[in-house]
Protein backbone atom coordinates (compact mmCIF):
# COMPACT_ATOMS: atom_id res chain seq x y z
CA UNK A 1 0.00 0.00 0.00
CA UNK A 2 2.82 2.41 0.87
CA UNK A 3 4.52 1.70 -2.46
CA UNK A 4 1.30 2.56 -4.38
CA UNK A 5 0.92 5.81 -2.45
CA UNK A 6 4.55 6.72 -3.11
CA UNK A 7 4.09 5.85 -6.80
CA UNK A 8 1.00 8.10 -7.07
CA UNK A 9 2.80 10.98 -5.33
CA UNK A 10 5.80 10.60 -7.65
CA UNK A 11 3.57 10.65 -10.74
CA UNK A 12 1.61 13.70 -9.60
CA UNK A 13 4.85 15.56 -8.78
CA UNK A 14 6.31 14.77 -12.19
CA UNK A 15 3.10 15.85 -13.93
CA UNK A 16 3.27 19.12 -12.01
CA UNK A 17 6.77 19.67 -13.39
CA UNK A 18 5.36 19.46 -16.94
CA UNK A 19 2.59 21.95 -16.25
CA UNK A 20 3.87 25.33 -17.36
CA UNK A 21 2.64 28.86 -17.98
CA UNK A 22 3.62 30.29 -21.38
CA UNK A 23 3.37 33.83 -22.71
CA UNK A 24 2.74 34.85 -26.33
CA UNK A 25 2.39 38.53 -27.24
CA UNK A 26 -0.04 39.35 -30.04
CA UNK A 27 1.88 42.39 -31.40
CA UNK A 28 4.15 41.59 -34.34
CA UNK A 29 7.77 41.40 -33.13
CA UNK A 30 6.53 42.49 -29.67
CA UNK A 31 6.48 46.06 -31.01
CA UNK A 32 3.84 48.78 -31.16
CA UNK A 33 4.43 51.47 -33.77
CA UNK A 34 2.84 54.81 -32.85
CA UNK A 35 3.57 56.12 -36.34
CA UNK A 36 3.61 59.92 -36.68
CA UNK A 37 1.50 61.37 -33.89
CA UNK A 38 0.86 64.79 -32.40
CA UNK A 39 1.09 65.49 -28.70
CA UNK A 40 -2.10 67.56 -28.97
CA UNK A 41 -4.24 64.78 -30.45
CA UNK A 42 -2.79 61.57 -28.95
CA UNK A 43 -2.77 60.53 -25.28
CA UNK A 44 0.27 58.27 -25.73
CA UNK A 45 -1.56 55.25 -24.28
CA UNK A 46 -1.12 51.89 -26.03
CA UNK A 47 -1.89 48.31 -24.99
CA UNK A 48 0.15 45.15 -25.48
CA UNK A 49 -2.06 42.05 -25.44
CA UNK A 50 -0.71 38.61 -24.63
CA UNK A 51 -2.10 35.13 -24.22
CA UNK A 52 -1.25 32.44 -21.70
CA UNK A 53 -0.70 29.49 -24.04
CA UNK A 54 0.41 27.21 -21.21
CA UNK A 55 -1.59 25.06 -18.85
CA UNK A 56 -0.89 26.86 -15.56
CA UNK A 57 -1.64 30.44 -14.37
CA UNK A 58 0.73 33.07 -15.77
CA UNK A 59 1.93 35.62 -13.23
CA UNK A 60 3.42 38.92 -14.38
CA UNK A 61 5.79 39.82 -11.54
CA UNK A 62 7.27 43.07 -12.86
CA UNK A 63 7.02 45.47 -15.81
CA UNK A 64 9.57 48.26 -16.16
CA UNK A 65 10.65 50.80 -18.75
CA UNK A 66 14.10 52.02 -19.76
CA UNK A 67 13.17 55.59 -18.75
CA UNK A 68 10.64 57.62 -16.79
CA UNK A 69 8.98 58.97 -19.94
CA UNK A 70 7.28 55.60 -20.46
CA UNK A 71 5.01 54.24 -17.73
CA UNK A 72 3.83 50.62 -18.02
CA UNK A 73 1.21 48.92 -15.87
CA UNK A 74 0.95 45.20 -15.19
CA UNK A 75 -2.03 42.93 -14.54
CA UNK A 76 -2.70 42.45 -10.83
CA UNK A 77 -4.26 38.99 -11.15
CA UNK A 78 -2.77 35.81 -12.68
CA UNK A 79 -3.74 35.13 -16.30
CA UNK A 80 -5.41 31.74 -16.53
CA UNK A 81 -4.52 29.25 -19.30
CA UNK A 82 -6.02 30.26 -22.66
CA UNK A 83 -6.91 33.77 -21.45
CA UNK A 84 -5.74 37.16 -22.75
CA UNK A 85 -3.95 39.69 -20.55
CA UNK A 86 -3.02 43.33 -21.15
CA UNK A 87 -0.08 45.59 -20.35
CA UNK A 88 -0.84 49.29 -20.80
CA UNK A 89 2.02 51.62 -21.74
CA UNK A 90 1.77 55.42 -21.51
CA UNK A 91 4.39 57.52 -23.29
CA UNK A 92 4.69 61.18 -22.26
CA UNK A 93 4.58 62.39 -25.90
CA UNK A 94 7.64 64.65 -25.93
CA UNK A 95 8.25 65.79 -29.52
CA UNK A 96 10.84 63.69 -31.33
CA UNK A 97 11.46 60.02 -32.10
CA UNK A 98 10.11 57.27 -29.83
CA UNK A 99 12.43 54.29 -29.26
CA UNK A 100 11.75 52.68 -25.87
CA UNK A 101 11.94 49.19 -24.38
CA UNK A 102 9.68 47.73 -21.70
CA UNK A 103 10.83 44.57 -19.88
CA UNK A 104 8.19 42.10 -18.70
CA UNK A 105 9.13 39.59 -16.00
CA UNK A 106 6.92 36.55 -15.40
CA UNK A 107 6.83 32.89 -14.50
CA UNK A 108 6.56 31.94 -18.21
CA UNK A 109 8.73 28.98 -19.15
CA UNK A 110 8.84 29.54 -22.92
CA UNK A 111 11.06 32.65 -22.69
CA UNK A 112 14.54 32.81 -21.19
CA UNK A 113 14.37 33.70 -17.50
CA UNK A 114 10.67 34.52 -17.86
CA UNK A 115 11.64 37.87 -19.43
CA UNK A 116 10.25 39.46 -22.60
CA UNK A 117 11.33 42.77 -24.16
CA UNK A 118 8.55 44.90 -25.63
CA UNK A 119 9.25 47.91 -27.82
CA UNK A 120 7.45 51.09 -28.77
CA UNK A 121 8.51 53.26 -31.66
CA UNK A 122 7.24 56.22 -33.62
CA UNK A 123 7.63 59.96 -34.01
CA UNK A 124 5.88 62.68 -32.01
CA UNK A 125 5.52 65.85 -34.02
CA UNK A 126 5.02 69.27 -32.50
CA UNK A 127 2.02 71.27 -33.57
CA UNK A 128 3.17 74.12 -35.76
CA UNK A 129 2.18 77.48 -34.36
CA UNK A 130 1.37 80.08 -37.01
CA UNK A 131 3.77 83.01 -37.06
CA UNK A 132 1.69 86.17 -37.33
CA UNK A 133 4.72 88.19 -38.42
CA UNK A 134 5.47 85.92 -41.37
CA UNK A 135 4.02 86.85 -44.76
CA UNK A 136 1.44 84.45 -46.04
CA UNK A 137 2.24 82.85 -49.38
CA UNK A 138 -0.19 83.20 -52.23
CA UNK A 139 -1.99 86.23 -50.83
CA UNK A 140 -1.74 89.31 -53.04
CA UNK A 141 -0.36 92.38 -51.38
CA UNK A 142 -1.42 95.88 -52.25
CA UNK A 143 1.18 98.52 -52.85
CA UNK A 144 0.47 102.15 -52.06
C-alpha atoms as a PDB file:
ATOM      1  CA  UNK A   1       0.000   0.000   0.000  1.00  0.00           C
ATOM      2  CA  UNK A   2       2.818   2.413   0.867  1.00  0.00           C
ATOM      3  CA  UNK A   3       4.517   1.702  -2.461  1.00  0.00           C
ATOM      4  CA  UNK A   4       1.299   2.559  -4.378  1.00  0.00           C
ATOM      5  CA  UNK A   5       0.919   5.814  -2.450  1.00  0.00           C
ATOM      6  CA  UNK A   6       4.548   6.718  -3.109  1.00  0.00           C
ATOM      7  CA  UNK A   7       4.093   5.849  -6.798  1.00  0.00           C
ATOM      8  CA  UNK A   8       1.000   8.104  -7.067  1.00  0.00           C
ATOM      9  CA  UNK A   9       2.802  10.978  -5.331  1.00  0.00           C
ATOM     10  CA  UNK A  10       5.801  10.597  -7.647  1.00  0.00           C
ATOM     11  CA  UNK A  11       3.571  10.646 -10.739  1.00  0.00           C
ATOM     12  CA  UNK A  12       1.612  13.703  -9.595  1.00  0.00           C
ATOM     13  CA  UNK A  13       4.851  15.556  -8.778  1.00  0.00           C
ATOM     14  CA  UNK A  14       6.310  14.771 -12.188  1.00  0.00           C
ATOM     15  CA  UNK A  15       3.100  15.849 -13.930  1.00  0.00           C
ATOM     16  CA  UNK A  16       3.274  19.118 -12.011  1.00  0.00           C
ATOM     17  CA  UNK A  17       6.766  19.675 -13.385  1.00  0.00           C
ATOM     18  CA  UNK A  18       5.364  19.465 -16.941  1.00  0.00           C
ATOM     19  CA  UNK A  19       2.592  21.948 -16.255  1.00  0.00           C
ATOM     20  CA  UNK A  20       3.874  25.329 -17.362  1.00  0.00           C
ATOM     21  CA  UNK A  21       2.645  28.857 -17.981  1.00  0.00           C
ATOM     22  CA  UNK A  22       3.623  30.291 -21.379  1.00  0.00           C
ATOM     23  CA  UNK A  23       3.368  33.832 -22.706  1.00  0.00           C
ATOM     24  CA  UNK A  24       2.744  34.848 -26.327  1.00  0.00           C
ATOM     25  CA  UNK A  25       2.393  38.533 -27.239  1.00  0.00           C
ATOM     26  CA  UNK A  26      -0.036  39.348 -30.041  1.00  0.00           C
ATOM     27  CA  UNK A  27       1.877  42.392 -31.403  1.00  0.00           C
ATOM     28  CA  UNK A  28       4.151  41.591 -34.338  1.00  0.00           C
ATOM     29  CA  UNK A  29       7.770  41.402 -33.133  1.00  0.00           C
ATOM     30  CA  UNK A  30       6.530  42.485 -29.670  1.00  0.00           C
ATOM     31  CA  UNK A  31       6.485  46.060 -31.007  1.00  0.00           C
ATOM     32  CA  UNK A  32       3.844  48.782 -31.165  1.00  0.00           C
ATOM     33  CA  UNK A  33       4.428  51.473 -33.772  1.00  0.00           C
ATOM     34  CA  UNK A  34       2.843  54.810 -32.845  1.00  0.00           C
ATOM     35  CA  UNK A  35       3.574  56.116 -36.340  1.00  0.00           C
ATOM     36  CA  UNK A  36       3.612  59.921 -36.683  1.00  0.00           C
ATOM     37  CA  UNK A  37       1.500  61.373 -33.890  1.00  0.00           C
ATOM     38  CA  UNK A  38       0.855  64.790 -32.398  1.00  0.00           C
ATOM     39  CA  UNK A  39       1.086  65.489 -28.695  1.00  0.00           C
ATOM     40  CA  UNK A  40      -2.097  67.561 -28.970  1.00  0.00           C
ATOM     41  CA  UNK A  41      -4.237  64.777 -30.455  1.00  0.00           C
ATOM     42  CA  UNK A  42      -2.792  61.572 -28.948  1.00  0.00           C
ATOM     43  CA  UNK A  43      -2.775  60.526 -25.284  1.00  0.00           C
ATOM     44  CA  UNK A  44       0.274  58.267 -25.730  1.00  0.00           C
ATOM     45  CA  UNK A  45      -1.556  55.248 -24.281  1.00  0.00           C
ATOM     46  CA  UNK A  46      -1.119  51.891 -26.026  1.00  0.00           C
ATOM     47  CA  UNK A  47      -1.887  48.314 -24.988  1.00  0.00           C
ATOM     48  CA  UNK A  48       0.149  45.149 -25.478  1.00  0.00           C
ATOM     49  CA  UNK A  49      -2.056  42.054 -25.440  1.00  0.00           C
ATOM     50  CA  UNK A  50      -0.711  38.613 -24.631  1.00  0.00           C
ATOM     51  CA  UNK A  51      -2.100  35.130 -24.219  1.00  0.00           C
ATOM     52  CA  UNK A  52      -1.248  32.436 -21.702  1.00  0.00           C
ATOM     53  CA  UNK A  53      -0.705  29.490 -24.038  1.00  0.00           C
ATOM     54  CA  UNK A  54       0.405  27.209 -21.215  1.00  0.00           C
ATOM     55  CA  UNK A  55      -1.595  25.058 -18.845  1.00  0.00           C
ATOM     56  CA  UNK A  56      -0.889  26.863 -15.559  1.00  0.00           C
ATOM     57  CA  UNK A  57      -1.642  30.438 -14.370  1.00  0.00           C
ATOM     58  CA  UNK A  58       0.732  33.066 -15.773  1.00  0.00           C
ATOM     59  CA  UNK A  59       1.926  35.616 -13.230  1.00  0.00           C
ATOM     60  CA  UNK A  60       3.421  38.921 -14.376  1.00  0.00           C
ATOM     61  CA  UNK A  61       5.792  39.815 -11.543  1.00  0.00           C
ATOM     62  CA  UNK A  62       7.271  43.069 -12.858  1.00  0.00           C
ATOM     63  CA  UNK A  63       7.019  45.471 -15.809  1.00  0.00           C
ATOM     64  CA  UNK A  64       9.568  48.263 -16.162  1.00  0.00           C
ATOM     65  CA  UNK A  65      10.655  50.798 -18.750  1.00  0.00           C
ATOM     66  CA  UNK A  66      14.098  52.021 -19.757  1.00  0.00           C
ATOM     67  CA  UNK A  67      13.166  55.585 -18.749  1.00  0.00           C
ATOM     68  CA  UNK A  68      10.644  57.625 -16.786  1.00  0.00           C
ATOM     69  CA  UNK A  69       8.982  58.972 -19.941  1.00  0.00           C
ATOM     70  CA  UNK A  70       7.276  55.601 -20.462  1.00  0.00           C
ATOM     71  CA  UNK A  71       5.012  54.244 -17.730  1.00  0.00           C
ATOM     72  CA  UNK A  72       3.835  50.617 -18.019  1.00  0.00           C
ATOM     73  CA  UNK A  73       1.212  48.916 -15.866  1.00  0.00           C
ATOM     74  CA  UNK A  74       0.950  45.196 -15.191  1.00  0.00           C
ATOM     75  CA  UNK A  75      -2.028  42.927 -14.537  1.00  0.00           C
ATOM     76  CA  UNK A  76      -2.705  42.454 -10.830  1.00  0.00           C
ATOM     77  CA  UNK A  77      -4.260  38.991 -11.149  1.00  0.00           C
ATOM     78  CA  UNK A  78      -2.769  35.812 -12.679  1.00  0.00           C
ATOM     79  CA  UNK A  79      -3.741  35.130 -16.298  1.00  0.00           C
ATOM     80  CA  UNK A  80      -5.408  31.743 -16.532  1.00  0.00           C
ATOM     81  CA  UNK A  81      -4.524  29.247 -19.299  1.00  0.00           C
ATOM     82  CA  UNK A  82      -6.016  30.256 -22.656  1.00  0.00           C
ATOM     83  CA  UNK A  83      -6.909  33.773 -21.448  1.00  0.00           C
ATOM     84  CA  UNK A  84      -5.743  37.160 -22.749  1.00  0.00           C
ATOM     85  CA  UNK A  85      -3.949  39.691 -20.554  1.00  0.00           C
ATOM     86  CA  UNK A  86      -3.016  43.332 -21.147  1.00  0.00           C
ATOM     87  CA  UNK A  87      -0.084  45.591 -20.352  1.00  0.00           C
ATOM     88  CA  UNK A  88      -0.835  49.291 -20.798  1.00  0.00           C
ATOM     89  CA  UNK A  89       2.019  51.623 -21.744  1.00  0.00           C
ATOM     90  CA  UNK A  90       1.766  55.416 -21.505  1.00  0.00           C
ATOM     91  CA  UNK A  91       4.389  57.518 -23.288  1.00  0.00           C
ATOM     92  CA  UNK A  92       4.685  61.185 -22.261  1.00  0.00           C
ATOM     93  CA  UNK A  93       4.582  62.388 -25.899  1.00  0.00           C
ATOM     94  CA  UNK A  94       7.644  64.645 -25.926  1.00  0.00           C
ATOM     95  CA  UNK A  95       8.251  65.786 -29.517  1.00  0.00           C
ATOM     96  CA  UNK A  96      10.844  63.686 -31.325  1.00  0.00           C
ATOM     97  CA  UNK A  97      11.464  60.022 -32.102  1.00  0.00           C
ATOM     98  CA  UNK A  98      10.114  57.272 -29.827  1.00  0.00           C
ATOM     99  CA  UNK A  99      12.431  54.291 -29.260  1.00  0.00           C
ATOM    100  CA  UNK A 100      11.746  52.677 -25.873  1.00  0.00           C
ATOM    101  CA  UNK A 101      11.935  49.189 -24.382  1.00  0.00           C
ATOM    102  CA  UNK A 102       9.684  47.729 -21.698  1.00  0.00           C
ATOM    103  CA  UNK A 103      10.826  44.573 -19.877  1.00  0.00           C
ATOM    104  CA  UNK A 104       8.189  42.099 -18.698  1.00  0.00           C
ATOM    105  CA  UNK A 105       9.134  39.587 -16.000  1.00  0.00           C
ATOM    106  CA  UNK A 106       6.918  36.554 -15.397  1.00  0.00           C
ATOM    107  CA  UNK A 107       6.830  32.889 -14.495  1.00  0.00           C
ATOM    108  CA  UNK A 108       6.563  31.937 -18.208  1.00  0.00           C
ATOM    109  CA  UNK A 109       8.729  28.979 -19.145  1.00  0.00           C
ATOM    110  CA  UNK A 110       8.836  29.539 -22.919  1.00  0.00           C
ATOM    111  CA  UNK A 111      11.059  32.645 -22.689  1.00  0.00           C
ATOM    112  CA  UNK A 112      14.538  32.812 -21.195  1.00  0.00           C
ATOM    113  CA  UNK A 113      14.371  33.700 -17.504  1.00  0.00           C
ATOM    114  CA  UNK A 114      10.673  34.520 -17.862  1.00  0.00           C
ATOM    115  CA  UNK A 115      11.638  37.874 -19.429  1.00  0.00           C
ATOM    116  CA  UNK A 116      10.246  39.462 -22.596  1.00  0.00           C
ATOM    117  CA  UNK A 117      11.327  42.768 -24.160  1.00  0.00           C
ATOM    118  CA  UNK A 118       8.548  44.899 -25.633  1.00  0.00           C
ATOM    119  CA  UNK A 119       9.251  47.912 -27.820  1.00  0.00           C
ATOM    120  CA  UNK A 120       7.453  51.089 -28.769  1.00  0.00           C
ATOM    121  CA  UNK A 121       8.506  53.262 -31.662  1.00  0.00           C
ATOM    122  CA  UNK A 122       7.243  56.219 -33.619  1.00  0.00           C
ATOM    123  CA  UNK A 123       7.628  59.957 -34.007  1.00  0.00           C
ATOM    124  CA  UNK A 124       5.883  62.680 -32.007  1.00  0.00           C
ATOM    125  CA  UNK A 125       5.525  65.849 -34.021  1.00  0.00           C
ATOM    126  CA  UNK A 126       5.023  69.271 -32.503  1.00  0.00           C
ATOM    127  CA  UNK A 127       2.025  71.273 -33.570  1.00  0.00           C
ATOM    128  CA  UNK A 128       3.171  74.118 -35.765  1.00  0.00           C
ATOM    129  CA  UNK A 129       2.184  77.484 -34.362  1.00  0.00           C
ATOM    130  CA  UNK A 130       1.365  80.084 -37.013  1.00  0.00           C
ATOM    131  CA  UNK A 131       3.773  83.013 -37.055  1.00  0.00           C
ATOM    132  CA  UNK A 132       1.691  86.168 -37.329  1.00  0.00           C
ATOM    133  CA  UNK A 133       4.717  88.189 -38.415  1.00  0.00           C
ATOM    134  CA  UNK A 134       5.466  85.924 -41.370  1.00  0.00           C
ATOM    135  CA  UNK A 135       4.020  86.853 -44.764  1.00  0.00           C
ATOM    136  CA  UNK A 136       1.437  84.452 -46.039  1.00  0.00           C
ATOM    137  CA  UNK A 137       2.238  82.854 -49.376  1.00  0.00           C
ATOM    138  CA  UNK A 138      -0.190  83.202 -52.234  1.00  0.00           C
ATOM    139  CA  UNK A 139      -1.990  86.228 -50.828  1.00  0.00           C
ATOM    140  CA  UNK A 140      -1.735  89.308 -53.040  1.00  0.00           C
ATOM    141  CA  UNK A 141      -0.362  92.382 -51.380  1.00  0.00           C
ATOM    142  CA  UNK A 142      -1.422  95.884 -52.248  1.00  0.00           C
ATOM    143  CA  UNK A 143       1.183  98.520 -52.850  1.00  0.00           C
ATOM    144  CA  UNK A 144       0.468 102.154 -52.064  1.00  0.00           C
END
